[in-house]
Amino acid sequence: MKVILTEKVPFLGNVGEIVSVSAGHARNYLIPRKLAVTADESNKRQLEDGQKRLSKKINEYKKAAEDMKKRIDGQHIELFKKVGGSGKLFGSVTNTELAKELESKGIMVERRLINIDNPIKSLGNFDITVKLFKDVDATFQVKVSIDPAQVEEMKKQQLLAEKRKADKKLAEAKALEEGTTEENQEGSEDDSEEVEEEEEN
């Protein structure tokens, strides 16, 4: 059934919004606690009266949303993520994660209000919208960078690979040198034997 919220209800909506909920949730929780009133098509007059009564409260919430917008607009958040060989993130950035980052800056925002248009699965810069209230949207920037720990690990792996390559070249050069030395020694032995034969003759 449809109800009009008379208070802001977390994870459901803002004051004055018409939302669809189960009949049981409306009758057993929202309406008894005066968090909502019915808003069925057959009860339009009640809906209009309810909206008039809520107009002052709606304006108060909207003003609070506009104040929050000023705090969010222009914020910059940097996230450090591990990436795969293709450059894609392991997983994606979530609105829950962003809500926690904003909270660390002293900005409390419900995660459901944070809108990620397209899943963030790569490194780069992204604009994120927060729908605070009807016609009140805030925007902040998110920079996704590679995890420094992974960078260090990649450097170690690269150095290790370079060392292995250098060791292999050194081993090949040494083997070649030893082979040349053995050939020279064999040649010297042959020459000695020829000299001995000539002396005997």
N, C-alpha and C. Protein backbone atom coordinates (compact mmCIF):
# COMPACT_ATOMS: atom_id res chain seq x y z
N MET A 1 0.84 -1.20 0.00
CA MET A 1 0.00 0.00 0.00
C MET A 1 0.88 1.25 0.00
N LYS A 2 0.26 2.39 -0.37
CA LYS A 2 1.01 3.63 -0.41
C LYS A 2 0.73 4.46 0.84
N VAL A 3 1.79 5.06 1.35
CA VAL A 3 1.64 5.94 2.53
C VAL A 3 2.44 7.20 2.28
N ILE A 4 2.09 8.26 2.98
CA ILE A 4 2.86 9.49 2.94
C ILE A 4 3.60 9.60 4.26
N LEU A 5 4.89 9.76 4.20
CA LEU A 5 5.70 9.80 5.41
C LEU A 5 5.53 11.13 6.14
N THR A 6 5.28 11.05 7.41
CA THR A 6 5.15 12.27 8.22
C THR A 6 6.43 12.57 8.99
N GLU A 7 7.38 11.65 8.92
CA GLU A 7 8.70 11.83 9.50
C GLU A 7 9.71 11.20 8.53
N LYS A 8 10.94 11.60 8.69
CA LYS A 8 11.99 10.96 7.89
C LYS A 8 12.23 9.56 8.45
N VAL A 9 12.11 8.57 7.60
CA VAL A 9 12.28 7.18 8.02
C VAL A 9 13.52 6.60 7.33
N PRO A 10 14.55 6.25 8.11
CA PRO A 10 15.78 5.71 7.52
C PRO A 10 15.50 4.53 6.58
N PHE A 11 16.19 4.53 5.45
CA PHE A 11 16.11 3.47 4.45
C PHE A 11 14.75 3.39 3.75
N LEU A 12 13.88 4.38 4.02
CA LEU A 12 12.56 4.37 3.38
C LEU A 12 12.31 5.66 2.61
N GLY A 13 12.46 6.81 3.26
CA GLY A 13 12.23 8.06 2.54
C GLY A 13 12.21 9.26 3.46
N ASN A 14 12.07 10.43 2.84
CA ASN A 14 12.02 11.69 3.57
C ASN A 14 10.58 12.08 3.88
N VAL A 15 10.44 13.01 4.78
CA VAL A 15 9.12 13.51 5.16
C VAL A 15 8.41 14.06 3.93
N GLY A 16 7.13 13.71 3.79
CA GLY A 16 6.33 14.20 2.68
C GLY A 16 6.37 13.31 1.45
N GLU A 17 7.27 12.33 1.43
CA GLU A 17 7.36 11.44 0.26
C GLU A 17 6.28 10.36 0.32
N ILE A 18 5.79 9.98 -0.86
CA ILE A 18 4.83 8.89 -0.97
C ILE A 18 5.62 7.63 -1.30
N VAL A 19 5.51 6.63 -0.47
CA VAL A 19 6.27 5.39 -0.68
C VAL A 19 5.33 4.19 -0.62
N SER A 20 5.77 3.11 -1.25
CA SER A 20 4.99 1.87 -1.23
C SER A 20 5.59 0.93 -0.19
N VAL A 21 4.75 0.44 0.70
CA VAL A 21 5.20 -0.50 1.74
C VAL A 21 4.16 -1.61 1.86
N SER A 22 4.52 -2.65 2.59
CA SER A 22 3.56 -3.72 2.80
C SER A 22 2.47 -3.23 3.74
N ALA A 23 1.29 -3.77 3.59
CA ALA A 23 0.16 -3.35 4.43
C ALA A 23 0.47 -3.60 5.90
N GLY A 24 1.11 -4.72 6.19
CA GLY A 24 1.45 -5.05 7.58
C GLY A 24 2.41 -4.05 8.18
N HIS A 25 3.43 -3.67 7.40
CA HIS A 25 4.42 -2.70 7.90
C HIS A 25 3.77 -1.35 8.15
N ALA A 26 2.85 -0.97 7.27
CA ALA A 26 2.16 0.31 7.43
C ALA A 26 1.26 0.31 8.66
N ARG A 27 0.42 -0.73 8.79
CA ARG A 27 -0.57 -0.77 9.87
C ARG A 27 0.02 -1.11 11.23
N ASN A 28 1.08 -1.92 11.23
CA ASN A 28 1.65 -2.36 12.50
C ASN A 28 2.80 -1.51 13.00
N TYR A 29 3.40 -0.74 12.10
CA TYR A 29 4.58 0.02 12.52
C TYR A 29 4.50 1.51 12.19
N LEU A 30 4.37 1.83 10.90
CA LEU A 30 4.45 3.23 10.49
C LEU A 30 3.30 4.09 11.01
N ILE A 31 2.07 3.64 10.77
CA ILE A 31 0.91 4.44 11.14
C ILE A 31 0.74 4.55 12.66
N PRO A 32 0.85 3.45 13.43
CA PRO A 32 0.71 3.56 14.89
C PRO A 32 1.75 4.48 15.52
N ARG A 33 2.94 4.54 14.93
CA ARG A 33 4.00 5.39 15.47
C ARG A 33 3.97 6.79 14.88
N LYS A 34 2.93 7.06 14.11
CA LYS A 34 2.73 8.37 13.50
C LYS A 34 3.89 8.77 12.59
N LEU A 35 4.46 7.76 11.93
CA LEU A 35 5.52 8.01 10.97
C LEU A 35 4.96 8.18 9.56
N ALA A 36 3.68 7.79 9.39
CA ALA A 36 3.07 7.88 8.05
C ALA A 36 1.56 7.86 8.18
N VAL A 37 0.89 8.33 7.12
CA VAL A 37 -0.56 8.23 7.01
C VAL A 37 -0.87 7.59 5.67
N THR A 38 -2.04 6.98 5.57
CA THR A 38 -2.39 6.31 4.32
C THR A 38 -2.49 7.31 3.17
N ALA A 39 -2.15 6.85 1.99
CA ALA A 39 -2.16 7.73 0.82
C ALA A 39 -2.73 6.99 -0.39
N ASP A 40 -3.78 6.22 -0.17
CA ASP A 40 -4.42 5.50 -1.26
C ASP A 40 -5.15 6.48 -2.17
N GLU A 41 -5.37 6.07 -3.43
CA GLU A 41 -6.09 6.91 -4.39
C GLU A 41 -7.47 7.27 -3.85
N SER A 42 -8.07 6.36 -3.09
CA SER A 42 -9.42 6.61 -2.56
C SER A 42 -9.39 7.60 -1.40
N ASN A 43 -8.24 7.97 -0.99
CA ASN A 43 -8.14 8.87 0.18
C ASN A 43 -7.33 10.12 -0.18
N LYS A 44 -7.60 10.69 -1.36
CA LYS A 44 -6.83 11.83 -1.83
C LYS A 44 -6.94 13.05 -0.91
N ARG A 45 -8.12 13.22 -0.36
CA ARG A 45 -8.31 14.39 0.50
C ARG A 45 -7.41 14.31 1.72
N GLN A 46 -7.32 13.13 2.30
CA GLN A 46 -6.45 12.96 3.47
C GLN A 46 -4.99 13.22 3.08
N LEU A 47 -4.65 12.77 1.88
CA LEU A 47 -3.30 12.99 1.39
C LEU A 47 -3.02 14.49 1.26
N GLU A 48 -3.96 15.23 0.67
CA GLU A 48 -3.77 16.67 0.50
C GLU A 48 -3.69 17.38 1.85
N ASP A 49 -4.57 16.97 2.78
CA ASP A 49 -4.54 17.58 4.12
C ASP A 49 -3.22 17.26 4.81
N GLY A 50 -2.78 16.02 4.62
CA GLY A 50 -1.52 15.62 5.24
C GLY A 50 -0.35 16.41 4.69
N GLN A 51 -0.36 16.65 3.40
CA GLN A 51 0.73 17.41 2.79
C GLN A 51 0.73 18.86 3.26
N LYS A 52 -0.46 19.41 3.46
CA LYS A 52 -0.54 20.79 3.96
C LYS A 52 0.03 20.88 5.38
N ARG A 53 -0.32 19.90 6.21
CA ARG A 53 0.18 19.90 7.59
C ARG A 53 1.69 19.71 7.63
N LEU A 54 2.16 19.01 6.62
CA LEU A 54 3.59 18.69 6.60
C LEU A 54 4.44 19.76 5.93
N SER A 55 3.81 20.73 5.31
CA SER A 55 4.56 21.71 4.51
C SER A 55 5.66 22.39 5.32
N LYS A 56 5.37 22.76 6.57
CA LYS A 56 6.36 23.42 7.41
C LYS A 56 7.52 22.48 7.72
N LYS A 57 7.13 21.25 8.05
CA LYS A 57 8.17 20.26 8.38
C LYS A 57 9.01 19.93 7.15
N ILE A 58 8.36 19.86 5.99
CA ILE A 58 9.07 19.59 4.75
C ILE A 58 10.10 20.68 4.48
N ASN A 59 9.69 21.93 4.70
CA ASN A 59 10.61 23.06 4.49
C ASN A 59 11.80 22.98 5.43
N GLU A 60 11.55 22.54 6.66
CA GLU A 60 12.63 22.41 7.63
C GLU A 60 13.63 21.34 7.18
N TYR A 61 13.09 20.22 6.71
CA TYR A 61 13.96 19.14 6.24
C TYR A 61 14.73 19.58 4.99
N LYS A 62 14.06 20.31 4.13
CA LYS A 62 14.71 20.78 2.91
C LYS A 62 15.85 21.74 3.25
N LYS A 63 15.61 22.61 4.22
CA LYS A 63 16.66 23.55 4.65
C LYS A 63 17.85 22.78 5.21
N ALA A 64 17.58 21.74 5.98
CA ALA A 64 18.66 20.91 6.53
C ALA A 64 19.42 20.21 5.40
N ALA A 65 18.68 19.78 4.38
CA ALA A 65 19.31 19.12 3.24
C ALA A 65 20.20 20.09 2.47
N GLU A 66 19.73 21.32 2.33
CA GLU A 66 20.51 22.34 1.62
C GLU A 66 21.79 22.67 2.39
N ASP A 67 21.69 22.67 3.72
CA ASP A 67 22.88 22.92 4.54
C ASP A 67 23.87 21.75 4.40
N MET A 68 23.33 20.54 4.35
CA MET A 68 24.18 19.37 4.17
C MET A 68 24.84 19.38 2.80
N LYS A 69 24.11 19.85 1.81
CA LYS A 69 24.65 19.95 0.44
C LYS A 69 25.90 20.82 0.42
N LYS A 70 25.87 21.91 1.16
CA LYS A 70 27.02 22.82 1.21
C LYS A 70 28.25 22.12 1.79
N ARG A 71 28.02 21.20 2.72
CA ARG A 71 29.14 20.48 3.34
C ARG A 71 29.70 19.39 2.43
N ILE A 72 28.83 18.80 1.62
CA ILE A 72 29.25 17.69 0.76
C ILE A 72 29.86 18.16 -0.55
N ASP A 73 29.25 19.20 -1.15
CA ASP A 73 29.74 19.69 -2.44
C ASP A 73 31.24 19.99 -2.40
N GLY A 74 31.96 19.43 -3.36
CA GLY A 74 33.39 19.71 -3.45
C GLY A 74 34.28 18.82 -2.59
N GLN A 75 33.68 17.93 -1.81
CA GLN A 75 34.50 17.02 -1.00
C GLN A 75 35.29 16.08 -1.92
N HIS A 76 36.48 15.70 -1.47
CA HIS A 76 37.32 14.76 -2.23
C HIS A 76 37.65 13.57 -1.35
N ILE A 77 37.40 12.40 -1.89
CA ILE A 77 37.70 11.16 -1.17
C ILE A 77 38.64 10.32 -2.04
N GLU A 78 39.69 9.80 -1.42
CA GLU A 78 40.60 8.92 -2.15
C GLU A 78 40.53 7.52 -1.55
N LEU A 79 40.31 6.55 -2.39
CA LEU A 79 40.25 5.16 -1.98
C LEU A 79 41.42 4.41 -2.59
N PHE A 80 41.99 3.50 -1.82
CA PHE A 80 43.10 2.69 -2.31
C PHE A 80 42.62 1.25 -2.47
N LYS A 81 42.75 0.74 -3.70
CA LYS A 81 42.21 -0.58 -4.02
C LYS A 81 43.25 -1.45 -4.71
N LYS A 82 43.11 -2.76 -4.54
CA LYS A 82 43.94 -3.70 -5.26
C LYS A 82 43.33 -3.95 -6.64
N VAL A 83 44.20 -4.10 -7.63
CA VAL A 83 43.72 -4.32 -8.99
C VAL A 83 44.29 -5.62 -9.55
N GLY A 84 43.59 -6.16 -10.54
CA GLY A 84 44.05 -7.37 -11.20
C GLY A 84 44.96 -7.05 -12.36
N GLY A 85 45.39 -8.08 -13.07
CA GLY A 85 46.31 -7.89 -14.19
C GLY A 85 45.72 -7.05 -15.30
N SER A 86 44.39 -7.04 -15.42
CA SER A 86 43.73 -6.27 -16.47
C SER A 86 43.51 -4.81 -16.07
N GLY A 87 43.89 -4.47 -14.83
CA GLY A 87 43.69 -3.11 -14.35
C GLY A 87 42.35 -2.89 -13.69
N LYS A 88 41.52 -3.93 -13.63
CA LYS A 88 40.21 -3.83 -13.00
C LYS A 88 40.33 -4.09 -11.49
N LEU A 89 39.45 -3.45 -10.73
CA LEU A 89 39.45 -3.64 -9.28
C LEU A 89 38.95 -5.03 -8.92
N PHE A 90 39.43 -5.50 -7.78
CA PHE A 90 38.85 -6.71 -7.20
C PHE A 90 37.56 -6.28 -6.50
N GLY A 91 36.41 -6.51 -7.12
CA GLY A 91 35.16 -6.01 -6.58
C GLY A 91 34.89 -4.62 -7.12
N SER A 92 34.07 -3.84 -6.43
CA SER A 92 33.75 -2.49 -6.87
C SER A 92 33.54 -1.60 -5.65
N VAL A 93 33.51 -0.29 -5.89
CA VAL A 93 33.27 0.68 -4.82
C VAL A 93 31.77 0.70 -4.51
N THR A 94 31.41 0.63 -3.24
CA THR A 94 30.00 0.59 -2.85
C THR A 94 29.58 1.88 -2.15
N ASN A 95 28.27 2.12 -2.13
CA ASN A 95 27.77 3.32 -1.44
C ASN A 95 27.96 3.20 0.07
N THR A 96 27.99 1.97 0.59
CA THR A 96 28.27 1.77 2.02
C THR A 96 29.68 2.25 2.35
N GLU A 97 30.60 1.92 1.49
CA GLU A 97 32.00 2.33 1.67
C GLU A 97 32.13 3.85 1.61
N LEU A 98 31.44 4.46 0.68
CA LEU A 98 31.50 5.92 0.54
C LEU A 98 30.85 6.61 1.72
N ALA A 99 29.75 6.02 2.23
CA ALA A 99 29.09 6.60 3.40
C ALA A 99 30.04 6.61 4.60
N LYS A 100 30.83 5.55 4.74
CA LYS A 100 31.79 5.48 5.85
C LYS A 100 32.90 6.51 5.68
N GLU A 101 33.33 6.73 4.43
CA GLU A 101 34.36 7.72 4.16
C GLU A 101 33.85 9.13 4.50
N LEU A 102 32.60 9.41 4.14
CA LEU A 102 32.02 10.72 4.48
C LEU A 102 31.88 10.86 5.99
N GLU A 103 31.50 9.76 6.63
CA GLU A 103 31.35 9.78 8.09
C GLU A 103 32.68 10.12 8.77
N SER A 104 33.79 9.61 8.20
CA SER A 104 35.10 9.90 8.76
C SER A 104 35.44 11.38 8.67
N LYS A 105 34.72 12.11 7.79
CA LYS A 105 34.90 13.55 7.65
C LYS A 105 33.87 14.32 8.46
N GLY A 106 33.08 13.56 9.25
CA GLY A 106 32.06 14.20 10.08
C GLY A 106 30.77 14.47 9.35
N ILE A 107 30.57 13.82 8.20
CA ILE A 107 29.35 14.02 7.41
C ILE A 107 28.54 12.73 7.43
N MET A 108 27.40 12.76 8.07
CA MET A 108 26.56 11.58 8.20
C MET A 108 25.53 11.55 7.07
N VAL A 109 25.64 10.55 6.21
CA VAL A 109 24.71 10.41 5.08
C VAL A 109 24.28 8.96 4.98
N GLU A 110 22.98 8.74 4.82
CA GLU A 110 22.50 7.38 4.63
C GLU A 110 23.02 6.84 3.30
N ARG A 111 23.46 5.60 3.31
CA ARG A 111 24.05 5.03 2.10
C ARG A 111 23.06 4.97 0.94
N ARG A 112 21.76 4.83 1.24
CA ARG A 112 20.76 4.74 0.17
C ARG A 112 20.66 6.04 -0.62
N LEU A 113 21.13 7.15 -0.01
CA LEU A 113 21.06 8.44 -0.69
C LEU A 113 22.22 8.65 -1.65
N ILE A 114 23.26 7.82 -1.52
CA ILE A 114 24.44 7.95 -2.38
C ILE A 114 24.20 7.19 -3.67
N ASN A 115 24.26 7.92 -4.76
CA ASN A 115 23.93 7.35 -6.06
C ASN A 115 25.19 7.15 -6.91
N ILE A 116 25.50 5.88 -7.21
CA ILE A 116 26.61 5.56 -8.10
C ILE A 116 26.01 5.18 -9.45
N ASP A 117 26.10 6.08 -10.42
CA ASP A 117 25.45 5.85 -11.72
C ASP A 117 25.90 4.56 -12.38
N ASN A 118 27.22 4.38 -12.45
CA ASN A 118 27.80 3.17 -13.05
C ASN A 118 28.76 2.54 -12.05
N PRO A 119 28.75 1.22 -11.96
CA PRO A 119 29.65 0.55 -11.01
C PRO A 119 31.10 1.00 -11.21
N ILE A 120 31.77 1.35 -10.11
CA ILE A 120 33.17 1.77 -10.17
C ILE A 120 34.04 0.53 -10.01
N LYS A 121 34.66 0.12 -11.13
CA LYS A 121 35.48 -1.10 -11.12
C LYS A 121 36.87 -0.86 -11.68
N SER A 122 37.28 0.41 -11.75
CA SER A 122 38.59 0.72 -12.30
C SER A 122 39.19 1.91 -11.56
N LEU A 123 40.47 2.14 -11.78
CA LEU A 123 41.14 3.29 -11.20
C LEU A 123 40.70 4.55 -11.93
N GLY A 124 40.74 5.70 -11.24
CA GLY A 124 40.37 6.94 -11.89
C GLY A 124 39.60 7.87 -10.97
N ASN A 125 39.06 8.93 -11.56
CA ASN A 125 38.28 9.94 -10.83
C ASN A 125 36.81 9.86 -11.22
N PHE A 126 35.95 9.96 -10.21
CA PHE A 126 34.52 9.80 -10.45
C PHE A 126 33.72 10.84 -9.66
N ASP A 127 32.63 11.31 -10.26
CA ASP A 127 31.70 12.22 -9.58
C ASP A 127 30.55 11.40 -9.01
N ILE A 128 30.26 11.61 -7.74
CA ILE A 128 29.20 10.87 -7.06
C ILE A 128 28.12 11.84 -6.60
N THR A 129 26.86 11.46 -6.82
CA THR A 129 25.73 12.30 -6.44
C THR A 129 25.06 11.77 -5.18
N VAL A 130 24.70 12.70 -4.30
CA VAL A 130 23.95 12.36 -3.09
C VAL A 130 22.59 13.03 -3.18
N LYS A 131 21.53 12.23 -3.22
CA LYS A 131 20.17 12.77 -3.32
C LYS A 131 19.63 13.01 -1.91
N LEU A 132 19.83 14.21 -1.42
CA LEU A 132 19.51 14.54 -0.04
C LEU A 132 18.02 14.77 0.18
N PHE A 133 17.38 15.35 -0.81
CA PHE A 133 15.96 15.68 -0.70
C PHE A 133 15.45 15.93 -2.10
N LYS A 134 14.18 16.08 -2.26
CA LYS A 134 13.63 16.37 -3.58
C LYS A 134 14.23 17.66 -4.10
N ASP A 135 14.85 17.59 -5.28
CA ASP A 135 15.50 18.73 -5.94
C ASP A 135 16.70 19.27 -5.18
N VAL A 136 17.24 18.49 -4.25
CA VAL A 136 18.45 18.89 -3.52
C VAL A 136 19.49 17.77 -3.65
N ASP A 137 20.40 17.94 -4.59
CA ASP A 137 21.46 16.96 -4.82
C ASP A 137 22.82 17.57 -4.54
N ALA A 138 23.68 16.79 -3.92
CA ALA A 138 25.05 17.22 -3.68
C ALA A 138 25.99 16.34 -4.49
N THR A 139 27.18 16.86 -4.78
CA THR A 139 28.15 16.10 -5.57
C THR A 139 29.53 16.15 -4.91
N PHE A 140 30.17 15.00 -4.86
CA PHE A 140 31.56 14.96 -4.38
C PHE A 140 32.38 14.07 -5.30
N GLN A 141 33.69 14.18 -5.19
CA GLN A 141 34.59 13.46 -6.09
C GLN A 141 35.28 12.31 -5.37
N VAL A 142 35.43 11.23 -6.09
CA VAL A 142 36.12 10.05 -5.57
C VAL A 142 37.28 9.71 -6.50
N LYS A 143 38.45 9.58 -5.92
CA LYS A 143 39.62 9.15 -6.68
C LYS A 143 39.99 7.75 -6.22
N VAL A 144 40.04 6.83 -7.16
CA VAL A 144 40.40 5.45 -6.84
C VAL A 144 41.83 5.21 -7.31
N SER A 145 42.72 4.93 -6.36
CA SER A 145 44.12 4.71 -6.66
C SER A 145 44.52 3.29 -6.28
N ILE A 146 45.63 2.85 -6.86
CA ILE A 146 46.11 1.50 -6.57
C ILE A 146 46.66 1.45 -5.15
N ASP A 147 46.44 0.35 -4.47
CA ASP A 147 46.88 0.15 -3.10
C ASP A 147 48.41 0.25 -3.03
N PRO A 148 48.97 1.17 -2.20
CA PRO A 148 50.43 1.31 -2.09
C PRO A 148 51.13 0.00 -1.74
N ALA A 149 50.47 -0.82 -0.92
CA ALA A 149 51.06 -2.11 -0.55
C ALA A 149 51.22 -2.99 -1.78
N GLN A 150 50.23 -2.93 -2.68
CA GLN A 150 50.33 -3.72 -3.92
C GLN A 150 51.43 -3.17 -4.83
N VAL A 151 51.59 -1.85 -4.84
CA VAL A 151 52.66 -1.24 -5.64
C VAL A 151 54.01 -1.73 -5.16
N GLU A 152 54.21 -1.75 -3.84
CA GLU A 152 55.47 -2.24 -3.28
C GLU A 152 55.69 -3.70 -3.62
N GLU A 153 54.63 -4.49 -3.54
CA GLU A 153 54.74 -5.91 -3.86
C GLU A 153 55.09 -6.10 -5.34
N MET A 154 54.49 -5.27 -6.20
CA MET A 154 54.79 -5.36 -7.63
C MET A 154 56.25 -4.98 -7.90
N LYS A 155 56.76 -3.98 -7.17
CA LYS A 155 58.15 -3.58 -7.33
C LYS A 155 59.08 -4.71 -6.92
N LYS A 156 58.75 -5.38 -5.80
CA LYS A 156 59.55 -6.50 -5.33
C LYS A 156 59.56 -7.63 -6.35
N GLN A 157 58.36 -7.91 -6.90
CA GLN A 157 58.26 -8.97 -7.90
C GLN A 157 59.07 -8.62 -9.15
N GLN A 158 59.04 -7.34 -9.53
CA GLN A 158 59.79 -6.91 -10.71
C GLN A 158 61.28 -7.03 -10.48
N LEU A 159 61.74 -6.59 -9.28
CA LEU A 159 63.16 -6.69 -8.95
C LEU A 159 63.61 -8.15 -8.91
N LEU A 160 62.74 -9.00 -8.35
CA LEU A 160 63.05 -10.43 -8.28
C LEU A 160 63.16 -11.03 -9.69
N ALA A 161 62.23 -10.63 -10.56
CA ALA A 161 62.25 -11.13 -11.94
C ALA A 161 63.51 -10.66 -12.66
N GLU A 162 63.90 -9.40 -12.44
CA GLU A 162 65.11 -8.86 -13.07
C GLU A 162 66.35 -9.57 -12.54
N LYS A 163 66.36 -9.88 -11.24
CA LYS A 163 67.50 -10.59 -10.65
C LYS A 163 67.62 -12.00 -11.23
N ARG A 164 66.48 -12.67 -11.37
CA ARG A 164 66.49 -14.01 -11.95
C ARG A 164 67.01 -13.98 -13.38
N LYS A 165 66.59 -12.95 -14.12
CA LYS A 165 67.02 -12.81 -15.51
C LYS A 165 68.53 -12.57 -15.58
N ALA A 166 69.01 -11.70 -14.67
CA ALA A 166 70.45 -11.39 -14.64
C ALA A 166 71.24 -12.63 -14.22
N ASP A 167 70.74 -13.37 -13.24
CA ASP A 167 71.42 -14.59 -12.79
C ASP A 167 71.49 -15.62 -13.91
N LYS A 168 70.40 -15.71 -14.69
CA LYS A 168 70.36 -16.66 -15.79
C LYS A 168 71.40 -16.30 -16.84
N LYS A 169 71.49 -15.00 -17.17
CA LYS A 169 72.48 -14.56 -18.15
C LYS A 169 73.90 -14.82 -17.65
N LEU A 170 74.11 -14.56 -16.35
CA LEU A 170 75.41 -14.78 -15.75
C LEU A 170 75.79 -16.26 -15.80
N ALA A 171 74.80 -17.12 -15.51
CA ALA A 171 75.05 -18.56 -15.54
C ALA A 171 75.36 -19.03 -16.96
N GLU A 172 74.64 -18.48 -17.93
CA GLU A 172 74.88 -18.85 -19.33
C GLU A 172 76.27 -18.40 -19.77
N ALA A 173 76.66 -17.18 -19.36
CA ALA A 173 77.98 -16.66 -19.72
C ALA A 173 79.07 -17.50 -19.07
N LYS A 174 78.85 -17.88 -17.83
CA LYS A 174 79.83 -18.70 -17.11
C LYS A 174 79.98 -20.07 -17.76
N ALA A 175 78.82 -20.66 -18.12
CA ALA A 175 78.84 -21.97 -18.77
C ALA A 175 79.57 -21.89 -20.10
N LEU A 176 79.34 -20.83 -20.84
CA LEU A 176 80.01 -20.64 -22.13
C LEU A 176 81.51 -20.48 -21.94
N GLU A 177 81.88 -19.72 -20.92
CA GLU A 177 83.30 -19.50 -20.62
C GLU A 177 83.99 -20.80 -20.23
N GLU A 178 83.32 -21.60 -19.38
CA GLU A 178 83.88 -22.87 -18.95
C GLU A 178 84.02 -23.82 -20.13
N GLY A 179 83.05 -23.80 -21.03
CA GLY A 179 83.12 -24.65 -22.23
C GLY A 179 84.29 -24.27 -23.10
N THR A 180 84.54 -22.98 -23.25
CA THR A 180 85.66 -22.50 -24.06
C THR A 180 86.99 -22.88 -23.43
N THR A 181 87.05 -22.79 -22.11
CA THR A 181 88.28 -23.15 -21.39
C THR A 181 88.60 -24.62 -21.55
N GLU A 182 87.58 -25.48 -21.46
CA GLU A 182 87.79 -26.92 -21.63
C GLU A 182 88.28 -27.24 -23.03
N GLU A 183 87.74 -26.56 -24.05
CA GLU A 183 88.19 -26.78 -25.42
C GLU A 183 89.65 -26.40 -25.57
N ASN A 184 90.05 -25.28 -24.94
CA ASN A 184 91.43 -24.82 -25.01
C ASN A 184 92.37 -25.83 -24.34
N GLN A 185 91.90 -26.35 -23.20
CA GLN A 185 92.70 -27.33 -22.48
C GLN A 185 92.87 -28.60 -23.31
N GLU A 186 91.80 -29.06 -23.94
CA GLU A 186 91.87 -30.25 -24.79
C GLU A 186 92.80 -30.01 -25.96
N GLY A 187 92.77 -28.81 -26.50
CA GLY A 187 93.65 -28.47 -27.62
C GLY A 187 95.10 -28.49 -27.19
N SER A 188 95.37 -27.99 -25.99
CA SER A 188 96.73 -27.96 -25.46
C SER A 188 97.25 -29.37 -25.25
N GLU A 189 96.40 -30.25 -24.75
CA GLU A 189 96.78 -31.64 -24.52
C GLU A 189 97.11 -32.33 -25.84
N ASP A 190 96.33 -32.07 -26.88
CA ASP A 190 96.59 -32.66 -28.20
C ASP A 190 97.93 -32.19 -28.75
N ASP A 191 98.23 -30.91 -28.56
CA ASP A 191 99.50 -30.36 -29.06
C ASP A 191 100.67 -31.00 -28.34
N SER A 192 100.49 -31.23 -27.02
CA SER A 192 101.56 -31.84 -26.23
C SER A 192 101.85 -33.24 -26.70
N GLU A 193 100.81 -33.99 -27.01
CA GLU A 193 100.97 -35.36 -27.47
C GLU A 193 101.68 -35.42 -28.82
N GLU A 194 101.37 -34.45 -29.72
CA GLU A 194 102.03 -34.40 -31.02
C GLU A 194 103.52 -34.11 -30.87
N VAL A 195 103.85 -33.22 -29.92
CA VAL A 195 105.24 -32.87 -29.70
C VAL A 195 106.01 -34.07 -29.18
N GLU A 196 105.40 -34.80 -28.27
CA GLU A 196 106.04 -35.99 -27.70
C GLU A 196 106.30 -37.01 -28.76
N GLU A 197 105.36 -37.23 -29.66
CA GLU A 197 105.50 -38.21 -30.75
C GLU A 197 106.66 -37.82 -31.66
N GLU A 198 106.77 -36.52 -31.96
CA GLU A 198 107.84 -36.07 -32.86
C GLU A 198 109.20 -36.28 -32.21
N GLU A 199 109.32 -36.04 -30.89
CA GLU A 199 110.58 -36.22 -30.18
C GLU A 199 110.99 -37.69 -30.18
N GLU A 200 110.03 -38.58 -30.03
CA GLU A 200 110.34 -40.01 -30.02
C GLU A 200 110.85 -40.45 -31.40
N ASN A 201 110.29 -39.86 -32.45
CA ASN A 201 110.73 -40.22 -33.80
C ASN A 201 112.11 -39.64 -34.05
